[in-house]
């Protein structure tokens, strides 16, 4: 009986230790910032192109 109790205790201790594992994932700040800047530049470029298209389109002809 004592042998079984020790086995159960050891198993419970081992499972408790395994449950306390934390995995940290670190992202390089410089790479993340560079990617964010690139995305922002692309969005601004698309907005500028959209503004140019609406500015250069001729006014619609009004029909009477």
C-alpha atoms as a PDB file:
ATOM      1  CA  UNK A   1       0.000   0.000   0.000  1.00  0.00           C
ATOM      2  CA  UNK A   2       2.818   2.421   0.869  1.00  0.00           C
ATOM      3  CA  UNK A   3       4.558   1.717  -2.433  1.00  0.00           C
ATOM      4  CA  UNK A   4       1.413   2.606  -4.341  1.00  0.00           C
ATOM      5  CA  UNK A   5       0.939   5.790  -2.309  1.00  0.00           C
ATOM      6  CA  UNK A   6       4.532   6.853  -3.039  1.00  0.00           C
ATOM      7  CA  UNK A   7       3.996   6.196  -6.754  1.00  0.00           C
ATOM      8  CA  UNK A   8       0.811   8.251  -6.792  1.00  0.00           C
ATOM      9  CA  UNK A   9       2.548  11.042  -4.853  1.00  0.00           C
ATOM     10  CA  UNK A  10       5.496  11.047  -7.233  1.00  0.00           C
ATOM     11  CA  UNK A  11       3.176  11.073 -10.223  1.00  0.00           C
ATOM     12  CA  UNK A  12       1.149  13.966  -8.788  1.00  0.00           C
ATOM     13  CA  UNK A  13       4.332  15.915  -8.046  1.00  0.00           C
ATOM     14  CA  UNK A  14       5.661  15.301 -11.546  1.00  0.00           C
ATOM     15  CA  UNK A  15       2.389  16.392 -13.157  1.00  0.00           C
ATOM     16  CA  UNK A  16       2.282  19.528 -10.995  1.00  0.00           C
ATOM     17  CA  UNK A  17       5.794  20.500 -12.057  1.00  0.00           C
ATOM     18  CA  UNK A  18       5.023  19.834 -15.720  1.00  0.00           C
ATOM     19  CA  UNK A  19       1.908  22.022 -15.511  1.00  0.00           C
ATOM     20  CA  UNK A  20       3.967  24.994 -14.333  1.00  0.00           C
ATOM     21  CA  UNK A  21       6.032  25.275 -17.502  1.00  0.00           C
ATOM     22  CA  UNK A  22       5.881  28.686 -19.165  1.00  0.00           C
ATOM     23  CA  UNK A  23       6.917  29.244 -22.757  1.00  0.00           C
ATOM     24  CA  UNK A  24       8.028  32.754 -23.623  1.00  0.00           C
ATOM     25  CA  UNK A  25       8.216  33.851 -27.220  1.00  0.00           C
ATOM     26  CA  UNK A  26      10.163  37.011 -27.897  1.00  0.00           C
ATOM     27  CA  UNK A  27       9.726  38.994 -31.085  1.00  0.00           C
ATOM     28  CA  UNK A  28      12.613  41.178 -32.200  1.00  0.00           C
ATOM     29  CA  UNK A  29      11.371  44.721 -31.639  1.00  0.00           C
ATOM     30  CA  UNK A  30      13.350  46.190 -34.520  1.00  0.00           C
ATOM     31  CA  UNK A  31      11.918  43.736 -37.044  1.00  0.00           C
ATOM     32  CA  UNK A  32       8.366  44.279 -35.798  1.00  0.00           C
ATOM     33  CA  UNK A  33       8.778  48.049 -35.979  1.00  0.00           C
ATOM     34  CA  UNK A  34      10.229  47.831 -39.484  1.00  0.00           C
ATOM     35  CA  UNK A  35       7.312  45.680 -40.648  1.00  0.00           C
ATOM     36  CA  UNK A  36       4.820  48.115 -39.108  1.00  0.00           C
ATOM     37  CA  UNK A  37       6.507  51.054 -40.847  1.00  0.00           C
ATOM     38  CA  UNK A  38       6.378  49.213 -44.175  1.00  0.00           C
ATOM     39  CA  UNK A  39       2.662  48.503 -43.773  1.00  0.00           C
ATOM     40  CA  UNK A  40       1.951  52.124 -42.861  1.00  0.00           C
ATOM     41  CA  UNK A  41       3.911  53.329 -45.905  1.00  0.00           C
ATOM     42  CA  UNK A  42       1.920  50.985 -48.162  1.00  0.00           C
ATOM     43  CA  UNK A  43      -1.385  52.258 -46.750  1.00  0.00           C
ATOM     44  CA  UNK A  44      -0.348  55.884 -47.260  1.00  0.00           C
ATOM     45  CA  UNK A  45       0.750  55.068 -50.815  1.00  0.00           C
ATOM     46  CA  UNK A  46      -2.641  53.501 -51.583  1.00  0.00           C
ATOM     47  CA  UNK A  47      -4.449  56.499 -50.100  1.00  0.00           C
ATOM     48  CA  UNK A  48      -2.355  58.916 -52.169  1.00  0.00           C
ATOM     49  CA  UNK A  49      -3.032  56.929 -55.351  1.00  0.00           C
ATOM     50  CA  UNK A  50      -6.755  56.919 -54.574  1.00  0.00           C
ATOM     51  CA  UNK A  51      -6.743  60.679 -54.017  1.00  0.00           C
ATOM     52  CA  UNK A  52      -4.910  61.253 -57.330  1.00  0.00           C
ATOM     53  CA  UNK A  53      -7.440  59.154 -59.227  1.00  0.00           C
ATOM     54  CA  UNK A  54     -10.378  61.118 -57.863  1.00  0.00           C
ATOM     55  CA  UNK A  55      -8.643  64.457 -58.503  1.00  0.00           C
ATOM     56  CA  UNK A  56      -7.771  63.720 -62.149  1.00  0.00           C
ATOM     57  CA  UNK A  57     -11.124  62.288 -63.220  1.00  0.00           C
ATOM     58  CA  UNK A  58     -13.165  64.615 -65.398  1.00  0.00           C
ATOM     59  CA  UNK A  59     -16.404  65.969 -64.042  1.00  0.00           C
ATOM     60  CA  UNK A  60     -19.414  63.958 -65.110  1.00  0.00           C
ATOM     61  CA  UNK A  61     -21.485  65.376 -67.962  1.00  0.00           C
ATOM     62  CA  UNK A  62     -24.857  66.574 -66.805  1.00  0.00           C
ATOM     63  CA  UNK A  63     -27.719  65.572 -69.031  1.00  0.00           C
ATOM     64  CA  UNK A  64     -30.767  67.760 -69.349  1.00  0.00           C
END
